[in-house]
N, C-alpha and C. Protein backbone atom coordinates (compact mmCIF):
# COMPACT_ATOMS: atom_id res chain seq x y z
N UNK A 1 59.07 24.59 77.26
CA UNK A 1 57.99 25.29 76.57
C UNK A 1 58.38 25.48 75.11
N UNK A 2 57.47 25.12 74.21
CA UNK A 2 57.69 25.32 72.78
C UNK A 2 57.01 26.61 72.35
N UNK A 3 57.48 27.16 71.21
CA UNK A 3 56.93 28.45 70.81
C UNK A 3 56.50 28.48 69.35
N UNK A 4 55.45 29.25 69.12
CA UNK A 4 54.96 29.58 67.79
C UNK A 4 55.22 31.06 67.59
N UNK A 5 55.71 31.41 66.41
CA UNK A 5 55.94 32.81 66.07
C UNK A 5 55.01 33.18 64.92
N UNK A 6 54.15 34.17 65.16
CA UNK A 6 53.25 34.67 64.12
C UNK A 6 53.85 35.94 63.52
N UNK A 7 53.89 36.00 62.19
CA UNK A 7 54.48 37.13 61.49
C UNK A 7 53.44 37.81 60.60
N UNK A 8 53.45 39.13 60.62
CA UNK A 8 52.71 39.90 59.63
C UNK A 8 53.55 41.14 59.30
N UNK A 9 53.02 42.02 58.54
CA UNK A 9 53.82 43.14 58.07
C UNK A 9 54.20 44.08 59.21
N UNK A 10 53.20 44.55 59.97
CA UNK A 10 53.48 45.58 60.97
C UNK A 10 53.38 45.17 62.43
N UNK A 11 52.97 43.92 62.71
CA UNK A 11 52.82 43.43 64.09
C UNK A 11 51.89 44.32 64.90
N UNK A 12 50.79 44.70 64.27
CA UNK A 12 49.84 45.60 64.90
C UNK A 12 48.43 45.02 64.89
N UNK A 13 48.14 44.19 63.92
CA UNK A 13 46.76 43.77 63.66
C UNK A 13 46.64 42.24 63.62
N UNK A 14 46.96 41.60 62.51
CA UNK A 14 46.75 40.16 62.34
C UNK A 14 47.61 39.30 63.25
N UNK A 15 48.91 39.54 63.27
CA UNK A 15 49.78 38.68 64.07
C UNK A 15 49.52 38.85 65.56
N UNK A 16 49.14 40.04 65.97
CA UNK A 16 48.84 40.27 67.38
C UNK A 16 47.55 39.55 67.78
N UNK A 17 46.54 39.60 66.90
CA UNK A 17 45.30 38.87 67.14
C UNK A 17 45.60 37.37 67.25
N UNK A 18 46.39 36.84 66.31
CA UNK A 18 46.73 35.42 66.31
C UNK A 18 47.49 35.03 67.57
N UNK A 19 48.44 35.84 67.98
CA UNK A 19 49.22 35.56 69.19
C UNK A 19 48.31 35.45 70.41
N UNK A 20 47.47 36.43 70.60
CA UNK A 20 46.60 36.44 71.78
C UNK A 20 45.59 35.30 71.76
N UNK A 21 44.98 35.05 70.60
CA UNK A 21 44.00 33.98 70.49
C UNK A 21 44.66 32.62 70.71
N UNK A 22 45.82 32.41 70.12
CA UNK A 22 46.54 31.15 70.30
C UNK A 22 46.86 30.92 71.78
N UNK A 23 47.41 31.92 72.44
CA UNK A 23 47.78 31.76 73.84
C UNK A 23 46.57 31.48 74.73
N UNK A 24 45.47 32.13 74.42
CA UNK A 24 44.24 31.91 75.18
C UNK A 24 43.76 30.46 75.01
N UNK A 25 43.74 29.99 73.79
CA UNK A 25 43.23 28.64 73.52
C UNK A 25 44.23 27.53 73.84
N UNK A 26 45.50 27.81 73.75
CA UNK A 26 46.53 26.79 74.00
C UNK A 26 46.49 26.32 75.45
N UNK A 27 46.02 27.13 76.34
CA UNK A 27 45.95 26.75 77.76
C UNK A 27 45.14 25.46 77.94
N UNK A 28 44.15 25.23 77.09
CA UNK A 28 43.30 24.04 77.19
C UNK A 28 43.77 22.87 76.33
N UNK A 29 44.40 23.17 75.20
CA UNK A 29 44.69 22.14 74.20
C UNK A 29 46.16 21.76 74.12
N UNK A 30 47.02 22.74 74.12
CA UNK A 30 48.46 22.51 73.94
C UNK A 30 49.21 23.40 74.93
N UNK A 31 49.06 23.07 76.21
CA UNK A 31 49.54 23.93 77.27
C UNK A 31 51.04 24.16 77.25
N UNK A 32 51.80 23.30 76.61
CA UNK A 32 53.25 23.47 76.57
C UNK A 32 53.70 24.32 75.38
N UNK A 33 52.76 24.97 74.70
CA UNK A 33 53.06 25.88 73.59
C UNK A 33 52.68 27.30 73.97
N UNK A 34 53.46 28.25 73.50
CA UNK A 34 53.22 29.67 73.74
C UNK A 34 53.54 30.42 72.46
N UNK A 35 52.76 31.44 72.14
CA UNK A 35 52.96 32.21 70.92
C UNK A 35 53.55 33.59 71.20
N UNK A 36 54.28 34.07 70.22
CA UNK A 36 54.75 35.45 70.15
C UNK A 36 54.43 35.94 68.75
N UNK A 37 54.60 37.23 68.52
CA UNK A 37 54.39 37.76 67.18
C UNK A 37 55.39 38.87 66.90
N UNK A 38 55.69 39.03 65.62
CA UNK A 38 56.66 40.04 65.19
C UNK A 38 56.26 40.59 63.82
N UNK A 39 56.90 41.70 63.45
CA UNK A 39 56.69 42.36 62.15
C UNK A 39 57.78 41.97 61.18
N UNK A 40 57.41 41.84 59.93
CA UNK A 40 58.40 41.62 58.88
C UNK A 40 58.88 42.94 58.28
N UNK A 41 58.05 43.97 58.35
CA UNK A 41 58.41 45.27 57.78
C UNK A 41 57.72 46.36 58.60
N UNK A 42 58.16 46.51 59.84
CA UNK A 42 57.49 47.42 60.78
C UNK A 42 57.40 48.85 60.23
N UNK A 43 58.37 49.22 59.39
CA UNK A 43 58.38 50.58 58.84
C UNK A 43 57.20 50.83 57.88
N UNK A 44 56.57 49.79 57.38
CA UNK A 44 55.42 49.95 56.50
C UNK A 44 54.13 50.22 57.26
N UNK A 45 54.17 50.14 58.56
CA UNK A 45 52.99 50.36 59.38
C UNK A 45 52.83 51.79 59.84
N UNK A 46 53.06 52.72 58.96
CA UNK A 46 53.03 54.14 59.34
C UNK A 46 51.66 54.59 59.86
N UNK A 47 50.61 53.86 59.51
CA UNK A 47 49.27 54.20 59.99
C UNK A 47 48.91 53.42 61.27
N UNK A 48 49.81 52.59 61.72
CA UNK A 48 49.58 51.83 62.95
C UNK A 48 49.91 52.73 64.13
N UNK A 49 48.88 53.25 64.75
CA UNK A 49 49.08 54.20 65.84
C UNK A 49 48.75 53.51 67.15
N UNK A 50 49.72 53.45 68.03
CA UNK A 50 49.51 52.84 69.33
C UNK A 50 50.12 51.47 69.43
N UNK A 51 49.69 50.75 70.42
CA UNK A 51 50.29 49.46 70.72
C UNK A 51 49.68 48.30 69.96
N UNK A 52 48.36 48.32 69.78
CA UNK A 52 47.68 47.20 69.13
C UNK A 52 46.42 47.72 68.43
N UNK A 53 46.12 47.15 67.30
CA UNK A 53 44.97 47.58 66.50
C UNK A 53 43.66 47.51 67.31
N UNK A 54 42.87 48.57 67.26
CA UNK A 54 41.55 48.53 67.89
C UNK A 54 40.68 47.41 67.30
N UNK A 55 40.87 47.11 66.00
CA UNK A 55 40.13 46.00 65.39
C UNK A 55 40.48 44.68 66.07
N UNK A 56 41.78 44.46 66.30
CA UNK A 56 42.23 43.22 66.95
C UNK A 56 41.68 43.14 68.36
N UNK A 57 41.74 44.23 69.10
CA UNK A 57 41.22 44.23 70.47
C UNK A 57 39.73 43.91 70.49
N UNK A 58 38.99 44.50 69.55
CA UNK A 58 37.55 44.25 69.47
C UNK A 58 37.28 42.78 69.12
N UNK A 59 38.00 42.25 68.13
CA UNK A 59 37.82 40.86 67.73
C UNK A 59 38.13 39.89 68.87
N UNK A 60 39.13 40.21 69.66
CA UNK A 60 39.47 39.36 70.81
C UNK A 60 38.37 39.44 71.88
N UNK A 61 37.90 40.65 72.16
CA UNK A 61 36.82 40.82 73.15
C UNK A 61 35.58 40.04 72.74
N UNK A 62 35.27 40.05 71.44
CA UNK A 62 34.11 39.29 70.94
C UNK A 62 34.25 37.79 71.22
N UNK A 63 35.48 37.34 71.33
CA UNK A 63 35.75 35.92 71.59
C UNK A 63 36.04 35.64 73.06
N UNK A 64 35.82 36.65 73.90
CA UNK A 64 36.04 36.47 75.33
C UNK A 64 37.49 36.41 75.74
N UNK A 65 38.37 37.00 74.93
CA UNK A 65 39.81 36.97 75.19
C UNK A 65 40.27 38.34 75.66
N UNK A 66 40.95 38.36 76.78
CA UNK A 66 41.57 39.59 77.27
C UNK A 66 43.00 39.61 76.73
N UNK A 67 43.33 40.65 76.00
CA UNK A 67 44.65 40.76 75.37
C UNK A 67 45.70 41.12 76.42
N UNK A 68 46.41 40.11 76.89
CA UNK A 68 47.40 40.34 77.95
C UNK A 68 48.60 41.14 77.46
N UNK A 69 48.86 41.12 76.15
CA UNK A 69 50.00 41.87 75.61
C UNK A 69 49.60 43.15 74.91
N UNK A 70 48.41 43.64 75.20
CA UNK A 70 47.89 44.82 74.50
C UNK A 70 48.73 46.08 74.73
N UNK A 71 49.49 46.13 75.80
CA UNK A 71 50.30 47.30 76.08
C UNK A 71 51.65 47.31 75.39
N UNK A 72 51.99 46.22 74.71
CA UNK A 72 53.28 46.11 74.03
C UNK A 72 53.20 46.73 72.65
N UNK A 73 54.22 47.50 72.30
CA UNK A 73 54.29 48.08 70.97
C UNK A 73 54.75 47.02 69.97
N UNK A 74 54.42 47.19 68.69
CA UNK A 74 54.87 46.25 67.66
C UNK A 74 56.39 46.09 67.70
N UNK A 75 56.84 44.88 67.36
CA UNK A 75 58.27 44.57 67.38
C UNK A 75 58.69 43.97 66.05
N UNK A 76 59.86 44.37 65.58
CA UNK A 76 60.43 43.87 64.34
C UNK A 76 61.01 42.48 64.56
N UNK A 77 60.80 41.59 63.60
CA UNK A 77 61.37 40.25 63.65
C UNK A 77 62.88 40.30 63.43
N UNK A 78 63.58 39.43 64.12
CA UNK A 78 65.02 39.26 63.95
C UNK A 78 65.30 37.79 63.63
N UNK A 79 66.50 37.50 63.18
CA UNK A 79 66.89 36.11 62.93
C UNK A 79 66.79 35.30 64.21
N UNK A 80 67.13 35.90 65.33
CA UNK A 80 67.05 35.19 66.61
C UNK A 80 65.62 34.76 66.89
N UNK A 81 64.63 35.62 66.60
CA UNK A 81 63.22 35.24 66.78
C UNK A 81 62.89 33.99 65.97
N UNK A 82 63.37 33.94 64.75
CA UNK A 82 63.11 32.78 63.89
C UNK A 82 63.83 31.54 64.41
N UNK A 83 65.05 31.71 64.87
CA UNK A 83 65.84 30.57 65.34
C UNK A 83 65.28 29.93 66.60
N UNK A 84 64.71 30.72 67.49
CA UNK A 84 64.23 30.15 68.75
C UNK A 84 62.79 29.62 68.66
N UNK A 85 62.09 29.96 67.58
CA UNK A 85 60.71 29.48 67.43
C UNK A 85 60.71 28.03 66.95
N UNK A 86 59.78 27.25 67.50
CA UNK A 86 59.62 25.87 67.07
C UNK A 86 58.72 25.76 65.84
N UNK A 87 57.86 26.75 65.65
CA UNK A 87 56.95 26.77 64.50
C UNK A 87 56.72 28.24 64.14
N UNK A 88 56.81 28.56 62.84
CA UNK A 88 56.63 29.95 62.39
C UNK A 88 55.52 30.00 61.35
N UNK A 89 54.62 30.97 61.54
CA UNK A 89 53.49 31.18 60.62
C UNK A 89 53.51 32.63 60.15
N UNK A 90 53.50 32.82 58.84
CA UNK A 90 53.30 34.15 58.26
C UNK A 90 51.82 34.23 57.85
N UNK A 91 51.17 35.31 58.20
CA UNK A 91 49.72 35.38 58.06
C UNK A 91 49.21 35.48 56.63
N UNK A 92 50.04 35.92 55.67
CA UNK A 92 49.57 36.02 54.29
C UNK A 92 50.70 35.71 53.32
N UNK A 93 50.58 34.60 52.61
CA UNK A 93 51.66 34.15 51.73
C UNK A 93 52.01 35.17 50.65
N UNK A 94 51.00 35.72 49.98
CA UNK A 94 51.26 36.67 48.89
C UNK A 94 52.05 37.87 49.37
N UNK A 95 51.72 38.36 50.52
CA UNK A 95 52.35 39.55 51.10
C UNK A 95 53.68 39.23 51.79
N UNK A 96 53.76 38.11 52.46
CA UNK A 96 54.89 37.86 53.36
C UNK A 96 56.01 36.99 52.79
N UNK A 97 55.70 36.14 51.82
CA UNK A 97 56.77 35.32 51.23
C UNK A 97 57.87 36.20 50.61
N UNK A 98 57.52 37.25 49.84
CA UNK A 98 58.58 38.11 49.30
C UNK A 98 59.40 38.81 50.40
N UNK A 99 58.75 39.19 51.48
CA UNK A 99 59.48 39.82 52.59
C UNK A 99 60.43 38.83 53.25
N UNK A 100 59.98 37.59 53.40
CA UNK A 100 60.87 36.57 53.96
C UNK A 100 62.08 36.37 53.06
N UNK A 101 61.84 36.27 51.77
CA UNK A 101 62.93 36.07 50.80
C UNK A 101 63.93 37.23 50.86
N UNK A 102 63.41 38.44 50.93
CA UNK A 102 64.24 39.65 50.91
C UNK A 102 65.01 39.86 52.21
N UNK A 103 64.36 39.63 53.33
CA UNK A 103 64.94 40.01 54.62
C UNK A 103 65.53 38.86 55.42
N UNK A 104 65.09 37.65 55.14
CA UNK A 104 65.55 36.50 55.92
C UNK A 104 65.89 35.34 54.98
N UNK A 105 66.99 35.51 54.26
CA UNK A 105 67.42 34.51 53.28
C UNK A 105 67.53 33.14 53.97
N UNK A 106 67.01 32.14 53.28
CA UNK A 106 67.07 30.78 53.81
C UNK A 106 65.88 30.39 54.66
N UNK A 107 65.03 31.32 55.01
CA UNK A 107 63.88 31.03 55.87
C UNK A 107 62.57 30.89 55.11
N UNK A 108 62.53 31.36 53.90
CA UNK A 108 61.28 31.41 53.14
C UNK A 108 60.57 30.06 53.08
N UNK A 109 61.29 28.99 52.88
CA UNK A 109 60.69 27.66 52.75
C UNK A 109 60.48 26.96 54.08
N UNK A 110 60.92 27.57 55.17
CA UNK A 110 60.88 26.90 56.48
C UNK A 110 59.70 27.31 57.34
N UNK A 111 58.82 28.12 56.78
CA UNK A 111 57.69 28.57 57.58
C UNK A 111 56.38 28.20 56.91
N UNK A 112 55.32 28.24 57.69
CA UNK A 112 53.97 27.96 57.20
C UNK A 112 53.33 29.29 56.80
N UNK A 113 52.64 29.28 55.67
CA UNK A 113 51.95 30.49 55.21
C UNK A 113 50.45 30.28 55.25
N UNK A 114 49.74 31.28 55.77
CA UNK A 114 48.29 31.28 55.73
C UNK A 114 47.84 32.25 54.64
N UNK A 115 46.56 32.47 54.52
CA UNK A 115 46.02 33.34 53.47
C UNK A 115 45.12 34.43 54.01
N UNK A 116 45.58 35.15 55.03
CA UNK A 116 44.77 36.18 55.66
C UNK A 116 45.27 37.55 55.22
N UNK A 117 44.50 38.21 54.38
CA UNK A 117 44.88 39.53 53.85
C UNK A 117 44.71 40.62 54.90
N UNK A 118 45.36 41.74 54.65
CA UNK A 118 45.32 42.87 55.57
C UNK A 118 43.99 43.62 55.48
N UNK A 119 43.79 44.54 56.39
CA UNK A 119 42.52 45.25 56.56
C UNK A 119 42.13 46.07 55.32
N UNK A 120 43.09 46.45 54.50
CA UNK A 120 42.74 47.21 53.29
C UNK A 120 42.14 46.31 52.21
N UNK A 121 42.23 44.99 52.37
CA UNK A 121 41.71 44.05 51.38
C UNK A 121 40.53 43.21 51.87
N UNK A 122 40.44 43.02 53.17
CA UNK A 122 39.36 42.19 53.72
C UNK A 122 38.91 42.77 55.05
N UNK A 123 37.63 42.72 55.30
CA UNK A 123 37.09 43.28 56.55
C UNK A 123 37.60 42.49 57.76
N UNK A 124 37.83 43.20 58.88
CA UNK A 124 38.38 42.54 60.06
C UNK A 124 37.60 41.29 60.51
N UNK A 125 36.27 41.34 60.52
CA UNK A 125 35.53 40.17 61.01
C UNK A 125 35.81 38.94 60.15
N UNK A 126 36.02 39.14 58.85
CA UNK A 126 36.34 38.02 57.97
C UNK A 126 37.77 37.52 58.23
N UNK A 127 38.71 38.45 58.34
CA UNK A 127 40.10 38.08 58.63
C UNK A 127 40.18 37.31 59.95
N UNK A 128 39.46 37.77 60.97
CA UNK A 128 39.51 37.11 62.27
C UNK A 128 38.87 35.72 62.23
N UNK A 129 37.84 35.56 61.41
CA UNK A 129 37.24 34.23 61.26
C UNK A 129 38.24 33.27 60.63
N UNK A 130 38.99 33.74 59.64
CA UNK A 130 40.01 32.91 59.01
C UNK A 130 41.12 32.54 60.01
N UNK A 131 41.58 33.53 60.76
CA UNK A 131 42.63 33.27 61.76
C UNK A 131 42.11 32.31 62.82
N UNK A 132 40.89 32.53 63.25
CA UNK A 132 40.25 31.68 64.25
C UNK A 132 40.29 30.21 63.82
N UNK A 133 39.87 29.95 62.57
CA UNK A 133 39.86 28.57 62.05
C UNK A 133 41.27 28.00 61.93
N UNK A 134 42.21 28.83 61.49
CA UNK A 134 43.59 28.38 61.35
C UNK A 134 44.22 28.07 62.71
N UNK A 135 43.91 28.88 63.71
CA UNK A 135 44.42 28.63 65.06
C UNK A 135 43.89 27.30 65.58
N UNK A 136 42.61 27.05 65.39
CA UNK A 136 42.03 25.78 65.84
C UNK A 136 42.73 24.60 65.16
N UNK A 137 42.97 24.71 63.84
CA UNK A 137 43.64 23.63 63.11
C UNK A 137 45.08 23.46 63.60
N UNK A 138 45.77 24.55 63.83
CA UNK A 138 47.16 24.48 64.32
C UNK A 138 47.21 23.85 65.70
N UNK A 139 46.32 24.26 66.58
CA UNK A 139 46.30 23.68 67.93
C UNK A 139 45.98 22.19 67.89
N UNK A 140 45.08 21.78 67.01
CA UNK A 140 44.77 20.35 66.87
C UNK A 140 46.00 19.60 66.40
N UNK A 141 46.71 20.16 65.44
CA UNK A 141 47.93 19.54 64.93
C UNK A 141 48.99 19.43 66.02
N UNK A 142 49.20 20.51 66.76
CA UNK A 142 50.21 20.50 67.82
C UNK A 142 49.82 19.54 68.96
N UNK A 143 48.52 19.49 69.25
CA UNK A 143 48.04 18.56 70.29
C UNK A 143 48.25 17.11 69.87
N UNK A 144 48.03 16.81 68.59
CA UNK A 144 48.23 15.45 68.08
C UNK A 144 49.70 15.09 68.13
N UNK A 145 50.57 16.00 67.73
CA UNK A 145 52.01 15.75 67.78
C UNK A 145 52.44 15.46 69.21
N UNK A 146 51.96 16.27 70.15
CA UNK A 146 52.32 16.08 71.56
C UNK A 146 51.83 14.74 72.08
N UNK A 147 50.61 14.34 71.70
CA UNK A 147 50.07 13.06 72.16
C UNK A 147 50.87 11.89 71.61
N UNK A 148 51.32 12.01 70.36
CA UNK A 148 52.12 10.94 69.75
C UNK A 148 53.51 10.82 70.35
N UNK A 149 54.02 11.95 70.88
CA UNK A 149 55.35 11.94 71.49
C UNK A 149 55.33 11.45 72.92
N UNK A 150 54.15 11.43 73.53
CA UNK A 150 54.03 11.04 74.95
C UNK A 150 54.15 9.54 75.13
């Protein structure tokens, strides 16, 4: 089984949505891939109360996805998480590239960056639409790679 690691600042909202949506859709397209998610700066999520953002849960429900990991609390990323992942995505380059540089020297250039801003900058429905499209593109890419390796 190969793994994708989604990173955001607090592992409460964007990365959790991406993890759940990817796992739901991968069952049909790239069944040998599984996603996890982690925080780059969990201490900055002081307003993240509970296990998973209500916005993320709502966005998943709108897409017919049951959040199987909704009971898990946010988790901080470690070097081991990065080392075992086959593909790593940080949800917002402007926000997360500096954190990668500061906290995980040598990893900044080894991950894929998307452009999904946090809830204080963009409304959840817009952020989820962006993640939705990026997940579809990533799954298509992973499915093509798998088909070429077969």
